[in-house]
Amino acid sequence: MPTDNRGNQYNVTSHGNNSQGNHYCSRDYGSSASNSNSYHYSNSNGSYYYSNSNGSTYYNNGQGSATYTAPSSGGSGGKK
């Protein structure tokens, strides 16, 4: 079973590329994660988005601007 950069194990539930060159990957972290079905995608224009297992999100528009949203749970729930 693969692990992410925080050492959390997950199963890949779907992944691929579409005809526009955009990539996506969905991950199942199990019931103990704040967001068990996390995903990320990256676009051919350089932008990308992560919905993380701890409930946080990250978006980068590929042009120097990025937005991070912290987990809404207050920090103690799920894996970080």
C-alpha atoms as a PDB file:
ATOM      1  CA  MET A   1       0.000   0.000   0.000  1.00  0.00           C
ATOM      2  CA  PRO A   2       1.473   3.402  -0.950  1.00  0.00           C
ATOM      3  CA  THR A   3       2.092   6.185   1.556  1.00  0.00           C
ATOM      4  CA  ASP A   4       1.911   9.957   1.119  1.00  0.00           C
ATOM      5  CA  ASN A   5       4.567  12.485   2.158  1.00  0.00           C
ATOM      6  CA  ARG A   6       3.192  12.455   5.723  1.00  0.00           C
ATOM      7  CA  GLY A   7       3.532   8.679   6.000  1.00  0.00           C
ATOM      8  CA  ASN A   8      -0.222   7.992   5.784  1.00  0.00           C
ATOM      9  CA  GLN A   9      -1.293   4.914   3.847  1.00  0.00           C
ATOM     10  CA  TYR A  10      -3.948   5.091   1.140  1.00  0.00           C
ATOM     11  CA  ASN A  11      -5.482   3.201  -1.763  1.00  0.00           C
ATOM     12  CA  VAL A  12      -5.758   4.815  -5.183  1.00  0.00           C
ATOM     13  CA  THR A  13      -9.399   4.564  -6.237  1.00  0.00           C
ATOM     14  CA  SER A  14      -9.120   6.243  -9.647  1.00  0.00           C
ATOM     15  CA  HIS A  15      -6.585   8.142 -11.698  1.00  0.00           C
ATOM     16  CA  GLY A  16      -5.872   9.157 -15.241  1.00  0.00           C
ATOM     17  CA  ASN A  17      -5.478  11.865 -17.831  1.00  0.00           C
ATOM     18  CA  ASN A  18      -8.058  13.401 -20.113  1.00  0.00           C
ATOM     19  CA  SER A  19      -7.667  14.503 -23.717  1.00  0.00           C
ATOM     20  CA  GLN A  20      -6.772  18.063 -22.646  1.00  0.00           C
ATOM     21  CA  GLY A  21      -3.717  16.821 -20.735  1.00  0.00           C
ATOM     22  CA  ASN A  22      -5.266  17.245 -17.293  1.00  0.00           C
ATOM     23  CA  HIS A  23      -4.411  14.675 -14.617  1.00  0.00           C
ATOM     24  CA  TYR A  24      -6.473  13.511 -11.630  1.00  0.00           C
ATOM     25  CA  CYS A  25      -5.995  11.033  -8.807  1.00  0.00           C
ATOM     26  CA  SER A  26      -8.451   9.985  -6.085  1.00  0.00           C
ATOM     27  CA  ARG A  27      -7.258   8.377  -2.844  1.00  0.00           C
ATOM     28  CA  ASP A  28      -9.046   6.475  -0.092  1.00  0.00           C
ATOM     29  CA  TYR A  29      -7.436   6.996   3.317  1.00  0.00           C
ATOM     30  CA  GLY A  30      -9.986   4.936   5.246  1.00  0.00           C
ATOM     31  CA  SER A  31     -12.529   5.857   7.876  1.00  0.00           C
ATOM     32  CA  SER A  32     -10.013   7.306  10.370  1.00  0.00           C
ATOM     33  CA  ALA A  33      -9.141  10.258   8.104  1.00  0.00           C
ATOM     34  CA  SER A  34     -11.010  13.560   8.332  1.00  0.00           C
ATOM     35  CA  ASN A  35     -11.463  13.415   4.561  1.00  0.00           C
ATOM     36  CA  SER A  36     -11.216   9.739   3.641  1.00  0.00           C
ATOM     37  CA  ASN A  37     -11.752  10.326  -0.078  1.00  0.00           C
ATOM     38  CA  SER A  38      -9.158  12.919  -0.951  1.00  0.00           C
ATOM     39  CA  TYR A  39      -8.075  13.823  -4.462  1.00  0.00           C
ATOM     40  CA  HIS A  40      -5.878  16.068  -6.495  1.00  0.00           C
ATOM     41  CA  TYR A  41      -5.804  17.268 -10.048  1.00  0.00           C
ATOM     42  CA  SER A  42      -3.358  19.161 -12.200  1.00  0.00           C
ATOM     43  CA  ASN A  43      -4.145  20.990 -15.407  1.00  0.00           C
ATOM     44  CA  SER A  44      -2.152  21.530 -18.563  1.00  0.00           C
ATOM     45  CA  ASN A  45      -2.089  25.293 -17.814  1.00  0.00           C
ATOM     46  CA  GLY A  46       0.045  24.643 -14.702  1.00  0.00           C
ATOM     47  CA  SER A  47      -2.707  24.995 -12.097  1.00  0.00           C
ATOM     48  CA  TYR A  48      -3.382  22.282  -9.525  1.00  0.00           C
ATOM     49  CA  TYR A  49      -5.683  21.535  -6.596  1.00  0.00           C
ATOM     50  CA  TYR A  50      -5.364  19.221  -3.591  1.00  0.00           C
ATOM     51  CA  SER A  51      -8.163  18.104  -1.285  1.00  0.00           C
ATOM     52  CA  ASN A  52      -6.147  16.500   1.524  1.00  0.00           C
ATOM     53  CA  SER A  53      -6.918  13.669   3.946  1.00  0.00           C
ATOM     54  CA  ASN A  54      -6.853  16.042   6.949  1.00  0.00           C
ATOM     55  CA  GLY A  55      -9.612  18.221   5.449  1.00  0.00           C
ATOM     56  CA  SER A  56      -7.365  21.003   4.181  1.00  0.00           C
ATOM     57  CA  THR A  57      -7.285  22.184   0.573  1.00  0.00           C
ATOM     58  CA  TYR A  58      -4.620  23.811  -1.556  1.00  0.00           C
ATOM     59  CA  TYR A  59      -5.009  25.520  -4.919  1.00  0.00           C
ATOM     60  CA  ASN A  60      -2.248  26.955  -7.073  1.00  0.00           C
ATOM     61  CA  ASN A  61      -3.275  28.789 -10.232  1.00  0.00           C
ATOM     62  CA  GLY A  62       0.072  28.108 -11.908  1.00  0.00           C
ATOM     63  CA  GLN A  63       0.835  31.808 -12.183  1.00  0.00           C
ATOM     64  CA  GLY A  64       2.262  32.578  -8.760  1.00  0.00           C
ATOM     65  CA  SER A  65      -0.931  32.707  -6.712  1.00  0.00           C
ATOM     66  CA  ALA A  66      -1.926  30.006  -4.226  1.00  0.00           C
ATOM     67  CA  THR A  67      -4.676  29.507  -1.649  1.00  0.00           C
ATOM     68  CA  TYR A  68      -4.497  27.180   1.351  1.00  0.00           C
ATOM     69  CA  THR A  69      -7.552  26.392   3.473  1.00  0.00           C
ATOM     70  CA  ALA A  70      -6.885  24.833   6.876  1.00  0.00           C
ATOM     71  CA  PRO A  71      -8.889  21.855   8.146  1.00  0.00           C
ATOM     72  CA  SER A  72     -12.253  22.956   9.533  1.00  0.00           C
ATOM     73  CA  SER A  73     -12.168  20.437  12.394  1.00  0.00           C
ATOM     74  CA  GLY A  74      -9.878  22.564  14.518  1.00  0.00           C
ATOM     75  CA  GLY A  75      -6.906  20.296  14.061  1.00  0.00           C
ATOM     76  CA  SER A  76      -7.263  17.181  16.196  1.00  0.00           C
ATOM     77  CA  GLY A  77      -9.321  14.900  13.985  1.00  0.00           C
ATOM     78  CA  GLY A  78      -7.963  12.526  11.381  1.00  0.00           C
ATOM     79  CA  LYS A  79      -4.467  12.080  10.104  1.00  0.00           C
ATOM     80  CA  LYS A  80      -2.238  15.062   9.399  1.00  0.00           C
END
